[in-house]
Amino acid sequence: MSRRVARWGLGLAGIAALAYAVSFVWVLAASRQDQRRPAGAIVVLGAAQYNGRPSPVLEARLRHALTLYQDRLAPVVVVTGGIGRGDRESEATVGRRWLLAQGMAPAAVVTRPEGSTTATSMAAVANWADDLDVREILLVSDPFHSARLRGEAHRVGLRASTSPTRTSPISGRFAAEFRYLVAEAWKAPAAWLGWGR
């Protein structure tokens, strides 16, 4: 009996390891794709801000979104991200200020500061998009985030493509990015399956 249990345990562990490996390859492949194309809006996922200034990670995302906007891929940029612990302003507010300082028109920058996670930020974007009948969005974040972003967008009824920044400090070195990819190999399938809400 104990041998049978051990065989079952090893079999299940093997299946779990294989499933994780497949997920990791999927996340890695998605991180290397740039799906830029015309959309109803460019959506920037939030990242840390420091006393009203974007962190290097957030600035890299904003700069990439600005380039996409200047390439006329969408008429508006939506910046997301709530207020972090100890902060006075939301990531979205800081992102908007940075984009306006680069010359974007106020009407072309939309803030969605309600979210504190990827899931809640995407839900806030979906509510905004539903009000304006926007269904196609172009998501900007770090490369490791791409697979999960597509899942979160799908979950809230948005058609999404991803265009990750390549200038973030995280994606600049594979050694730094690797730990994020490892974590996303767990998180991305959960987003597609609707777990962890």
N, C-alpha and C. Protein backbone atom coordinates (compact mmCIF):
# COMPACT_ATOMS: atom_id res chain seq x y z
N MET A 1 0.83 -1.21 0.00
CA MET A 1 0.00 0.00 0.00
C MET A 1 0.87 1.27 0.00
N SER A 2 1.92 1.25 0.86
CA SER A 2 2.78 2.42 0.95
C SER A 2 3.52 2.67 -0.36
N ARG A 3 3.88 1.57 -1.07
CA ARG A 3 4.55 1.74 -2.36
C ARG A 3 3.61 2.36 -3.38
N ARG A 4 2.37 1.94 -3.34
CA ARG A 4 1.38 2.50 -4.27
C ARG A 4 1.18 3.99 -4.01
N VAL A 5 1.09 4.34 -2.74
CA VAL A 5 0.94 5.75 -2.37
C VAL A 5 2.16 6.55 -2.82
N ALA A 6 3.34 5.97 -2.64
CA ALA A 6 4.57 6.64 -3.05
C ALA A 6 4.59 6.85 -4.56
N ARG A 7 4.15 5.80 -5.32
CA ARG A 7 4.11 5.93 -6.78
C ARG A 7 3.14 7.02 -7.21
N TRP A 8 1.97 7.05 -6.54
CA TRP A 8 0.99 8.11 -6.83
C TRP A 8 1.57 9.48 -6.54
N GLY A 9 2.25 9.57 -5.41
CA GLY A 9 2.85 10.85 -5.04
C GLY A 9 3.89 11.31 -6.04
N LEU A 10 4.74 10.38 -6.47
CA LEU A 10 5.76 10.72 -7.46
C LEU A 10 5.12 11.09 -8.79
N GLY A 11 4.06 10.37 -9.15
CA GLY A 11 3.37 10.67 -10.40
C GLY A 11 2.76 12.06 -10.39
N LEU A 12 2.13 12.39 -9.27
CA LEU A 12 1.51 13.73 -9.16
C LEU A 12 2.58 14.82 -9.16
N ALA A 13 3.69 14.55 -8.47
CA ALA A 13 4.78 15.54 -8.45
C ALA A 13 5.34 15.74 -9.85
N GLY A 14 5.46 14.65 -10.59
CA GLY A 14 5.95 14.74 -11.97
C GLY A 14 5.02 15.54 -12.86
N ILE A 15 3.71 15.31 -12.71
CA ILE A 15 2.72 16.06 -13.49
C ILE A 15 2.78 17.55 -13.14
N ALA A 16 2.89 17.83 -11.84
CA ALA A 16 2.96 19.24 -11.40
C ALA A 16 4.22 19.91 -11.96
N ALA A 17 5.34 19.19 -11.93
CA ALA A 17 6.59 19.76 -12.44
C ALA A 17 6.49 20.02 -13.94
N LEU A 18 5.88 19.09 -14.67
CA LEU A 18 5.72 19.27 -16.11
C LEU A 18 4.80 20.46 -16.41
N ALA A 19 3.70 20.56 -15.65
CA ALA A 19 2.77 21.67 -15.86
C ALA A 19 3.46 23.01 -15.58
N TYR A 20 4.27 23.06 -14.53
CA TYR A 20 4.99 24.29 -14.23
C TYR A 20 5.99 24.63 -15.33
N ALA A 21 6.68 23.63 -15.85
CA ALA A 21 7.65 23.86 -16.91
C ALA A 21 6.98 24.42 -18.16
N VAL A 22 5.83 23.86 -18.50
CA VAL A 22 5.07 24.35 -19.66
C VAL A 22 4.64 25.79 -19.42
N SER A 23 4.17 26.08 -18.21
CA SER A 23 3.75 27.44 -17.88
C SER A 23 4.92 28.41 -17.97
N PHE A 24 6.09 28.00 -17.49
CA PHE A 24 7.26 28.87 -17.54
C PHE A 24 7.64 29.20 -18.98
N VAL A 25 7.63 28.19 -19.84
CA VAL A 25 7.95 28.41 -21.25
C VAL A 25 6.94 29.36 -21.88
N TRP A 26 5.66 29.19 -21.54
CA TRP A 26 4.60 30.06 -22.05
C TRP A 26 4.82 31.51 -21.63
N VAL A 27 5.12 31.71 -20.33
CA VAL A 27 5.37 33.06 -19.82
C VAL A 27 6.60 33.68 -20.48
N LEU A 28 7.64 32.88 -20.63
CA LEU A 28 8.87 33.37 -21.27
C LEU A 28 8.61 33.76 -22.73
N ALA A 29 7.87 32.91 -23.45
CA ALA A 29 7.56 33.21 -24.86
C ALA A 29 6.73 34.49 -24.97
N ALA A 30 5.73 34.65 -24.10
CA ALA A 30 4.90 35.86 -24.13
C ALA A 30 5.73 37.10 -23.83
N SER A 31 6.73 36.96 -22.97
CA SER A 31 7.55 38.10 -22.60
C SER A 31 8.41 38.60 -23.76
N ARG A 32 8.62 37.75 -24.75
CA ARG A 32 9.46 38.12 -25.89
C ARG A 32 8.65 38.61 -27.09
N GLN A 33 7.34 38.69 -26.94
CA GLN A 33 6.47 39.12 -28.04
C GLN A 33 6.08 40.59 -27.88
N ASP A 34 6.09 41.30 -28.98
CA ASP A 34 5.55 42.66 -29.02
C ASP A 34 4.39 42.65 -30.01
N GLN A 35 3.17 42.76 -29.48
CA GLN A 35 1.96 42.66 -30.30
C GLN A 35 1.39 44.02 -30.66
N ARG A 36 2.22 45.04 -30.69
CA ARG A 36 1.70 46.40 -30.91
C ARG A 36 0.86 46.46 -32.17
N ARG A 37 -0.31 47.09 -32.03
CA ARG A 37 -1.23 47.30 -33.15
C ARG A 37 -2.24 48.36 -32.73
N PRO A 38 -2.95 48.94 -33.68
CA PRO A 38 -3.93 49.97 -33.31
C PRO A 38 -4.96 49.44 -32.32
N ALA A 39 -5.35 50.30 -31.39
CA ALA A 39 -6.31 49.92 -30.35
C ALA A 39 -7.10 51.14 -29.92
N GLY A 40 -8.10 50.89 -29.09
CA GLY A 40 -8.89 52.01 -28.58
C GLY A 40 -8.18 52.79 -27.49
N ALA A 41 -7.25 52.13 -26.81
CA ALA A 41 -6.50 52.79 -25.73
C ALA A 41 -5.22 52.03 -25.46
N ILE A 42 -4.21 52.77 -25.04
CA ILE A 42 -2.97 52.20 -24.51
C ILE A 42 -3.09 52.22 -23.00
N VAL A 43 -2.88 51.10 -22.35
CA VAL A 43 -3.04 51.00 -20.89
C VAL A 43 -1.69 50.70 -20.26
N VAL A 44 -1.28 51.56 -19.34
CA VAL A 44 0.00 51.40 -18.64
C VAL A 44 -0.27 50.84 -17.26
N LEU A 45 0.33 49.71 -16.95
CA LEU A 45 0.18 49.14 -15.62
C LEU A 45 1.11 49.87 -14.65
N GLY A 46 0.58 50.15 -13.47
CA GLY A 46 1.31 50.94 -12.49
C GLY A 46 2.53 50.23 -11.93
N ALA A 47 3.42 51.02 -11.38
CA ALA A 47 4.60 50.54 -10.64
C ALA A 47 4.93 51.62 -9.63
N ALA A 48 5.92 51.39 -8.82
CA ALA A 48 6.21 52.30 -7.71
C ALA A 48 6.51 53.72 -8.18
N GLN A 49 6.16 54.66 -7.30
CA GLN A 49 6.55 56.06 -7.50
C GLN A 49 7.14 56.55 -6.18
N TYR A 50 8.07 57.49 -6.31
CA TYR A 50 8.79 57.97 -5.13
C TYR A 50 8.56 59.46 -4.96
N ASN A 51 7.71 59.80 -3.99
CA ASN A 51 7.45 61.22 -3.69
C ASN A 51 7.07 62.02 -4.92
N GLY A 52 6.18 61.45 -5.73
CA GLY A 52 5.70 62.16 -6.90
C GLY A 52 6.50 61.96 -8.17
N ARG A 53 7.57 61.17 -8.10
CA ARG A 53 8.38 60.89 -9.28
C ARG A 53 8.27 59.41 -9.62
N PRO A 54 8.11 59.09 -10.90
CA PRO A 54 8.03 57.66 -11.27
C PRO A 54 9.34 56.94 -10.93
N SER A 55 9.21 55.72 -10.45
CA SER A 55 10.39 54.87 -10.30
C SER A 55 10.95 54.58 -11.68
N PRO A 56 12.19 54.11 -11.78
CA PRO A 56 12.73 53.74 -13.10
C PRO A 56 11.87 52.74 -13.85
N VAL A 57 11.25 51.81 -13.13
CA VAL A 57 10.38 50.82 -13.77
C VAL A 57 9.14 51.50 -14.35
N LEU A 58 8.50 52.35 -13.55
CA LEU A 58 7.30 53.05 -14.03
C LEU A 58 7.66 54.00 -15.18
N GLU A 59 8.78 54.70 -15.07
CA GLU A 59 9.15 55.62 -16.14
C GLU A 59 9.40 54.88 -17.46
N ALA A 60 10.00 53.70 -17.39
CA ALA A 60 10.23 52.92 -18.61
C ALA A 60 8.90 52.54 -19.26
N ARG A 61 7.92 52.18 -18.45
CA ARG A 61 6.59 51.85 -18.99
C ARG A 61 5.93 53.08 -19.61
N LEU A 62 6.01 54.19 -18.92
CA LEU A 62 5.40 55.42 -19.43
C LEU A 62 6.07 55.89 -20.72
N ARG A 63 7.38 55.79 -20.76
CA ARG A 63 8.11 56.22 -21.97
C ARG A 63 7.72 55.36 -23.16
N HIS A 64 7.57 54.07 -22.93
CA HIS A 64 7.16 53.16 -24.02
C HIS A 64 5.74 53.48 -24.48
N ALA A 65 4.85 53.72 -23.53
CA ALA A 65 3.47 54.09 -23.88
C ALA A 65 3.43 55.38 -24.68
N LEU A 66 4.26 56.34 -24.30
CA LEU A 66 4.32 57.61 -25.03
C LEU A 66 4.75 57.38 -26.48
N THR A 67 5.73 56.51 -26.68
CA THR A 67 6.18 56.20 -28.04
C THR A 67 5.04 55.58 -28.85
N LEU A 68 4.31 54.65 -28.24
CA LEU A 68 3.18 54.02 -28.93
C LEU A 68 2.12 55.07 -29.29
N TYR A 69 1.86 55.99 -28.36
CA TYR A 69 0.90 57.06 -28.61
C TYR A 69 1.38 57.96 -29.75
N GLN A 70 2.65 58.31 -29.73
CA GLN A 70 3.20 59.16 -30.78
C GLN A 70 3.19 58.46 -32.14
N ASP A 71 3.20 57.13 -32.11
CA ASP A 71 3.07 56.34 -33.35
C ASP A 71 1.62 56.20 -33.79
N ARG A 72 0.72 56.85 -33.06
CA ARG A 72 -0.72 56.90 -33.36
C ARG A 72 -1.40 55.53 -33.31
N LEU A 73 -0.99 54.74 -32.35
CA LEU A 73 -1.62 53.43 -32.20
C LEU A 73 -2.91 53.49 -31.39
N ALA A 74 -3.13 54.58 -30.67
CA ALA A 74 -4.36 54.76 -29.90
C ALA A 74 -4.55 56.24 -29.60
N PRO A 75 -5.79 56.68 -29.39
CA PRO A 75 -6.04 58.10 -29.14
C PRO A 75 -5.83 58.52 -27.69
N VAL A 76 -5.76 57.56 -26.77
CA VAL A 76 -5.59 57.90 -25.35
C VAL A 76 -4.64 56.92 -24.68
N VAL A 77 -4.03 57.39 -23.59
CA VAL A 77 -3.23 56.53 -22.72
C VAL A 77 -3.91 56.49 -21.36
N VAL A 78 -4.17 55.29 -20.88
CA VAL A 78 -4.78 55.10 -19.57
C VAL A 78 -3.68 54.67 -18.60
N VAL A 79 -3.50 55.44 -17.52
CA VAL A 79 -2.49 55.09 -16.52
C VAL A 79 -3.20 54.54 -15.29
N THR A 80 -2.66 53.46 -14.74
CA THR A 80 -3.31 52.77 -13.62
C THR A 80 -2.38 52.76 -12.41
N GLY A 81 -2.92 52.32 -11.30
CA GLY A 81 -2.12 52.16 -10.08
C GLY A 81 -2.63 53.03 -8.96
N GLY A 82 -2.81 52.40 -7.81
CA GLY A 82 -3.35 53.10 -6.65
C GLY A 82 -2.28 53.75 -5.78
N ILE A 83 -2.65 54.04 -4.54
CA ILE A 83 -1.75 54.68 -3.58
C ILE A 83 -1.09 53.59 -2.75
N GLY A 84 0.23 53.52 -2.80
CA GLY A 84 0.97 52.54 -2.02
C GLY A 84 1.09 52.95 -0.57
N ARG A 85 1.52 52.02 0.23
CA ARG A 85 1.68 52.29 1.66
C ARG A 85 2.69 53.42 1.88
N GLY A 86 2.28 54.42 2.62
CA GLY A 86 3.16 55.55 2.92
C GLY A 86 3.18 56.63 1.84
N ASP A 87 2.47 56.40 0.72
CA ASP A 87 2.45 57.38 -0.36
C ASP A 87 1.30 58.36 -0.18
N ARG A 88 1.43 59.52 -0.80
CA ARG A 88 0.36 60.52 -0.77
C ARG A 88 -0.38 60.60 -2.10
N GLU A 89 0.27 60.12 -3.16
CA GLU A 89 -0.34 60.16 -4.49
C GLU A 89 -0.38 58.77 -5.08
N SER A 90 -1.32 58.59 -6.00
CA SER A 90 -1.40 57.29 -6.67
C SER A 90 -0.36 57.20 -7.78
N GLU A 91 -0.04 55.98 -8.14
CA GLU A 91 0.85 55.74 -9.28
C GLU A 91 0.26 56.32 -10.56
N ALA A 92 -1.07 56.21 -10.69
CA ALA A 92 -1.75 56.75 -11.88
C ALA A 92 -1.59 58.26 -11.97
N THR A 93 -1.74 58.95 -10.85
CA THR A 93 -1.61 60.41 -10.83
C THR A 93 -0.20 60.84 -11.22
N VAL A 94 0.78 60.15 -10.67
CA VAL A 94 2.18 60.46 -10.99
C VAL A 94 2.46 60.15 -12.46
N GLY A 95 1.92 59.05 -12.96
CA GLY A 95 2.09 58.71 -14.37
C GLY A 95 1.48 59.76 -15.28
N ARG A 96 0.30 60.24 -14.92
CA ARG A 96 -0.34 61.28 -15.72
C ARG A 96 0.51 62.55 -15.76
N ARG A 97 1.02 62.96 -14.60
CA ARG A 97 1.83 64.17 -14.55
C ARG A 97 3.07 64.03 -15.44
N TRP A 98 3.70 62.86 -15.42
CA TRP A 98 4.89 62.63 -16.25
C TRP A 98 4.53 62.74 -17.73
N LEU A 99 3.42 62.14 -18.14
CA LEU A 99 3.02 62.18 -19.55
C LEU A 99 2.68 63.60 -19.99
N LEU A 100 2.01 64.35 -19.13
CA LEU A 100 1.68 65.74 -19.46
C LEU A 100 2.97 66.57 -19.59
N ALA A 101 3.95 66.27 -18.76
CA ALA A 101 5.22 67.00 -18.83
C ALA A 101 5.96 66.71 -20.13
N GLN A 102 5.64 65.59 -20.76
CA GLN A 102 6.25 65.25 -22.05
C GLN A 102 5.49 65.85 -23.23
N GLY A 103 4.42 66.60 -22.92
CA GLY A 103 3.70 67.29 -23.97
C GLY A 103 2.38 66.68 -24.38
N MET A 104 1.94 65.61 -23.73
CA MET A 104 0.65 65.04 -24.08
C MET A 104 -0.48 65.97 -23.64
N ALA A 105 -1.54 66.00 -24.42
CA ALA A 105 -2.71 66.83 -24.08
C ALA A 105 -3.46 66.21 -22.91
N PRO A 106 -3.95 67.01 -21.97
CA PRO A 106 -4.69 66.46 -20.83
C PRO A 106 -5.83 65.54 -21.21
N ALA A 107 -6.52 65.84 -22.29
CA ALA A 107 -7.65 65.01 -22.71
C ALA A 107 -7.21 63.64 -23.19
N ALA A 108 -5.92 63.48 -23.50
CA ALA A 108 -5.43 62.20 -24.03
C ALA A 108 -4.89 61.28 -22.95
N VAL A 109 -4.94 61.72 -21.69
CA VAL A 109 -4.42 60.91 -20.58
C VAL A 109 -5.54 60.65 -19.58
N VAL A 110 -5.85 59.40 -19.36
CA VAL A 110 -6.92 58.99 -18.45
C VAL A 110 -6.29 58.30 -17.24
N THR A 111 -6.75 58.64 -16.04
CA THR A 111 -6.24 57.98 -14.83
C THR A 111 -7.27 57.02 -14.28
N ARG A 112 -6.79 55.85 -13.88
CA ARG A 112 -7.59 54.85 -13.19
C ARG A 112 -6.82 54.44 -11.95
N PRO A 113 -6.96 55.23 -10.85
CA PRO A 113 -6.15 55.00 -9.66
C PRO A 113 -6.75 54.01 -8.66
N GLU A 114 -7.81 53.32 -9.05
CA GLU A 114 -8.51 52.48 -8.08
C GLU A 114 -7.76 51.20 -7.72
N GLY A 115 -6.94 50.70 -8.62
CA GLY A 115 -6.37 49.37 -8.43
C GLY A 115 -5.11 49.33 -7.59
N SER A 116 -4.99 48.28 -6.78
CA SER A 116 -3.76 48.04 -6.02
C SER A 116 -3.08 46.74 -6.46
N THR A 117 -3.72 46.01 -7.37
CA THR A 117 -3.16 44.79 -7.95
C THR A 117 -3.43 44.81 -9.45
N THR A 118 -2.79 43.89 -10.15
CA THR A 118 -3.05 43.79 -11.59
C THR A 118 -4.53 43.53 -11.84
N ALA A 119 -5.11 42.62 -11.08
CA ALA A 119 -6.51 42.26 -11.28
C ALA A 119 -7.44 43.46 -11.05
N THR A 120 -7.24 44.20 -9.97
CA THR A 120 -8.14 45.32 -9.68
C THR A 120 -7.91 46.48 -10.65
N SER A 121 -6.67 46.66 -11.10
CA SER A 121 -6.41 47.69 -12.11
C SER A 121 -7.12 47.35 -13.42
N MET A 122 -7.07 46.09 -13.82
CA MET A 122 -7.73 45.69 -15.06
C MET A 122 -9.25 45.81 -14.93
N ALA A 123 -9.79 45.54 -13.75
CA ALA A 123 -11.23 45.71 -13.54
C ALA A 123 -11.61 47.19 -13.67
N ALA A 124 -10.78 48.08 -13.15
CA ALA A 124 -11.05 49.53 -13.27
C ALA A 124 -10.98 49.97 -14.72
N VAL A 125 -10.02 49.44 -15.47
CA VAL A 125 -9.92 49.77 -16.91
C VAL A 125 -11.14 49.24 -17.64
N ALA A 126 -11.59 48.05 -17.30
CA ALA A 126 -12.76 47.47 -17.96
C ALA A 126 -14.00 48.32 -17.73
N ASN A 127 -14.17 48.84 -16.52
CA ASN A 127 -15.32 49.71 -16.23
C ASN A 127 -15.27 50.98 -17.07
N TRP A 128 -14.08 51.58 -17.16
CA TRP A 128 -13.92 52.77 -18.00
C TRP A 128 -14.18 52.44 -19.46
N ALA A 129 -13.61 51.34 -19.93
CA ALA A 129 -13.75 50.97 -21.34
C ALA A 129 -15.20 50.65 -21.68
N ASP A 130 -15.91 50.03 -20.75
CA ASP A 130 -17.31 49.69 -21.00
C ASP A 130 -18.15 50.95 -21.17
N ASP A 131 -17.87 51.97 -20.38
CA ASP A 131 -18.61 53.23 -20.48
C ASP A 131 -18.42 53.90 -21.84
N LEU A 132 -17.24 53.71 -22.42
CA LEU A 132 -16.92 54.35 -23.70
C LEU A 132 -16.95 53.38 -24.88
N ASP A 133 -17.39 52.15 -24.61
CA ASP A 133 -17.47 51.11 -25.64
C ASP A 133 -16.10 50.86 -26.29
N VAL A 134 -15.06 50.87 -25.47
CA VAL A 134 -13.71 50.51 -25.94
C VAL A 134 -13.51 49.03 -25.64
N ARG A 135 -13.16 48.26 -26.63
CA ARG A 135 -12.99 46.83 -26.43
C ARG A 135 -11.58 46.33 -26.74
N GLU A 136 -10.84 47.06 -27.53
CA GLU A 136 -9.48 46.64 -27.91
C GLU A 136 -8.48 47.55 -27.20
N ILE A 137 -7.59 46.96 -26.41
CA ILE A 137 -6.61 47.74 -25.69
C ILE A 137 -5.20 47.20 -25.95
N LEU A 138 -4.23 48.08 -25.77
CA LEU A 138 -2.83 47.72 -25.92
C LEU A 138 -2.17 47.91 -24.56
N LEU A 139 -1.71 46.82 -23.97
CA LEU A 139 -1.20 46.83 -22.60
C LEU A 139 0.31 47.03 -22.56
N VAL A 140 0.76 47.91 -21.67
CA VAL A 140 2.18 48.20 -21.52
C VAL A 140 2.60 47.88 -20.08
N SER A 141 3.61 47.05 -19.96
CA SER A 141 4.20 46.72 -18.67
C SER A 141 5.59 46.17 -18.94
N ASP A 142 6.15 45.48 -17.95
CA ASP A 142 7.42 44.80 -18.18
C ASP A 142 7.17 43.49 -18.93
N PRO A 143 8.16 42.97 -19.63
CA PRO A 143 7.94 41.76 -20.42
C PRO A 143 7.42 40.57 -19.62
N PHE A 144 7.94 40.35 -18.42
CA PHE A 144 7.53 39.19 -17.63
C PHE A 144 6.04 39.17 -17.33
N HIS A 145 5.40 40.31 -17.41
CA HIS A 145 4.00 40.50 -17.02
C HIS A 145 3.01 40.15 -18.14
N SER A 146 3.49 39.98 -19.36
CA SER A 146 2.62 39.93 -20.53
C SER A 146 1.58 38.82 -20.50
N ALA A 147 1.99 37.60 -20.19
CA ALA A 147 1.04 36.47 -20.21
C ALA A 147 -0.10 36.69 -19.22
N ARG A 148 0.24 37.13 -18.01
CA ARG A 148 -0.81 37.35 -17.00
C ARG A 148 -1.71 38.51 -17.39
N LEU A 149 -1.14 39.56 -17.96
CA LEU A 149 -1.96 40.70 -18.38
C LEU A 149 -3.03 40.28 -19.38
N ARG A 150 -2.65 39.45 -20.33
CA ARG A 150 -3.63 39.00 -21.32
C ARG A 150 -4.74 38.20 -20.64
N GLY A 151 -4.37 37.40 -19.64
CA GLY A 151 -5.38 36.64 -18.91
C GLY A 151 -6.32 37.54 -18.12
N GLU A 152 -5.77 38.54 -17.45
CA GLU A 152 -6.61 39.46 -16.67
C GLU A 152 -7.55 40.25 -17.59
N ALA A 153 -7.04 40.67 -18.75
CA ALA A 153 -7.89 41.39 -19.69
C ALA A 153 -9.01 40.49 -20.21
N HIS A 154 -8.66 39.28 -20.54
CA HIS A 154 -9.67 38.32 -21.02
C HIS A 154 -10.75 38.10 -19.95
N ARG A 155 -10.34 38.00 -18.70
CA ARG A 155 -11.27 37.75 -17.60
C ARG A 155 -12.31 38.85 -17.47
N VAL A 156 -11.93 40.11 -17.76
CA VAL A 156 -12.86 41.22 -17.61
C VAL A 156 -13.50 41.62 -18.95
N GLY A 157 -13.32 40.78 -19.97
CA GLY A 157 -14.03 40.99 -21.22
C GLY A 157 -13.38 41.95 -22.20
N LEU A 158 -12.09 42.17 -22.07
CA LEU A 158 -11.38 43.06 -22.98
C LEU A 158 -10.52 42.26 -23.95
N ARG A 159 -10.48 42.70 -25.20
CA ARG A 159 -9.54 42.13 -26.16
C ARG A 159 -8.23 42.90 -26.02
N ALA A 160 -7.17 42.18 -25.73
CA ALA A 160 -5.92 42.87 -25.41
C ALA A 160 -4.74 42.28 -26.16
N SER A 161 -3.85 43.17 -26.54
CA SER A 161 -2.53 42.78 -27.01
C SER A 161 -1.52 43.45 -26.08
N THR A 162 -0.29 42.95 -26.09
CA THR A 162 0.72 43.47 -25.18
C THR A 162 1.92 44.01 -25.97
N SER A 163 2.45 45.12 -25.47
CA SER A 163 3.66 45.71 -26.03
C SER A 163 4.56 46.08 -24.85
N PRO A 164 5.42 45.16 -24.42
CA PRO A 164 6.23 45.42 -23.23
C PRO A 164 7.40 46.36 -23.48
N THR A 165 7.74 47.11 -22.46
CA THR A 165 8.93 47.95 -22.55
C THR A 165 10.17 47.09 -22.49
N ARG A 166 11.21 47.52 -23.18
CA ARG A 166 12.49 46.79 -23.15
C ARG A 166 13.55 47.57 -22.38
N THR A 167 13.17 48.69 -21.78
CA THR A 167 14.16 49.54 -21.12
C THR A 167 14.03 49.54 -19.59
N SER A 168 13.17 48.70 -19.06
CA SER A 168 13.01 48.63 -17.61
C SER A 168 14.26 48.03 -16.96
N PRO A 169 14.60 48.47 -15.76
CA PRO A 169 15.72 47.86 -15.04
C PRO A 169 15.52 46.35 -14.82
N ILE A 170 14.28 45.93 -14.74
CA ILE A 170 14.00 44.51 -14.52
C ILE A 170 14.35 43.70 -15.76
N SER A 171 13.95 44.19 -16.93
CA SER A 171 14.16 43.42 -18.15
C SER A 171 15.53 43.65 -18.78
N GLY A 172 16.31 44.55 -18.19
CA GLY A 172 17.63 44.85 -18.74
C GLY A 172 18.62 43.72 -18.58
N ARG A 173 18.44 42.91 -17.54
CA ARG A 173 19.35 41.78 -17.28
C ARG A 173 18.50 40.53 -17.01
N PHE A 174 18.79 39.45 -17.72
CA PHE A 174 17.98 38.24 -17.56
C PHE A 174 18.05 37.71 -16.13
N ALA A 175 19.21 37.85 -15.49
CA ALA A 175 19.33 37.37 -14.11
C ALA A 175 18.35 38.07 -13.19
N ALA A 176 18.13 39.37 -13.42
CA ALA A 176 17.17 40.11 -12.60
C ALA A 176 15.74 39.73 -12.98
N GLU A 177 15.51 39.50 -14.25
CA GLU A 177 14.16 39.18 -14.73
C GLU A 177 13.74 37.76 -14.37
N PHE A 178 14.71 36.87 -14.23
CA PHE A 178 14.41 35.45 -14.07
C PHE A 178 13.47 35.18 -12.89
N ARG A 179 13.73 35.83 -11.76
CA ARG A 179 12.88 35.55 -10.58
C ARG A 179 11.45 36.01 -10.80
N TYR A 180 11.27 37.07 -11.59
CA TYR A 180 9.91 37.51 -11.92
C TYR A 180 9.24 36.49 -12.84
N LEU A 181 9.98 35.96 -13.78
CA LEU A 181 9.43 34.94 -14.68
C LEU A 181 9.02 33.69 -13.89
N VAL A 182 9.84 33.32 -12.92
CA VAL A 182 9.53 32.16 -12.08
C VAL A 182 8.21 32.36 -11.35
N ALA A 183 8.02 33.55 -10.78
CA ALA A 183 6.77 33.85 -10.06
C ALA A 183 5.58 33.89 -11.01
N GLU A 184 5.77 34.49 -12.19
CA GLU A 184 4.67 34.61 -13.15
C GLU A 184 4.22 33.25 -13.68
N ALA A 185 5.10 32.27 -13.68
CA ALA A 185 4.71 30.93 -14.14
C ALA A 185 3.65 30.32 -13.23
N TRP A 186 3.56 30.81 -11.99
CA TRP A 186 2.46 30.42 -11.10
C TRP A 186 1.26 31.35 -11.28
N LYS A 187 1.53 32.65 -11.38
CA LYS A 187 0.46 33.63 -11.39
C LYS A 187 -0.34 33.67 -12.69
N ALA A 188 0.33 33.52 -13.83
CA ALA A 188 -0.36 33.67 -15.12
C ALA A 188 -1.46 32.63 -15.32
N PRO A 189 -1.21 31.33 -15.05
CA PRO A 189 -2.32 30.37 -15.19
C PRO A 189 -3.49 30.68 -14.26
N ALA A 190 -3.18 31.15 -13.05
CA ALA A 190 -4.24 31.50 -12.10
C ALA A 190 -5.10 32.63 -12.64
N ALA A 191 -4.46 33.60 -13.32
CA ALA A 191 -5.23 34.71 -13.89
C ALA A 191 -6.17 34.22 -14.98
N TRP A 192 -5.68 33.34 -15.86
CA TRP A 192 -6.53 32.80 -16.93
C TRP A 192 -7.66 31.94 -16.39
N LEU A 193 -7.41 31.24 -15.28
CA LEU A 193 -8.43 30.36 -14.70
C LEU A 193 -9.35 31.10 -13.72
N GLY A 194 -9.03 32.35 -13.43
CA GLY A 194 -9.88 33.14 -12.53
C GLY A 194 -9.69 32.82 -11.07
N TRP A 195 -8.55 32.26 -10.71
CA TRP A 195 -8.28 31.94 -9.32
C TRP A 195 -7.71 33.14 -8.58
N GLY A 196 -7.83 33.13 -7.28
CA GLY A 196 -7.18 34.12 -6.43
C GLY A 196 -7.81 35.50 -6.47
N ARG A 197 -9.09 35.60 -6.81
CA ARG A 197 -9.73 36.92 -6.83
C ARG A 197 -10.05 37.35 -5.41
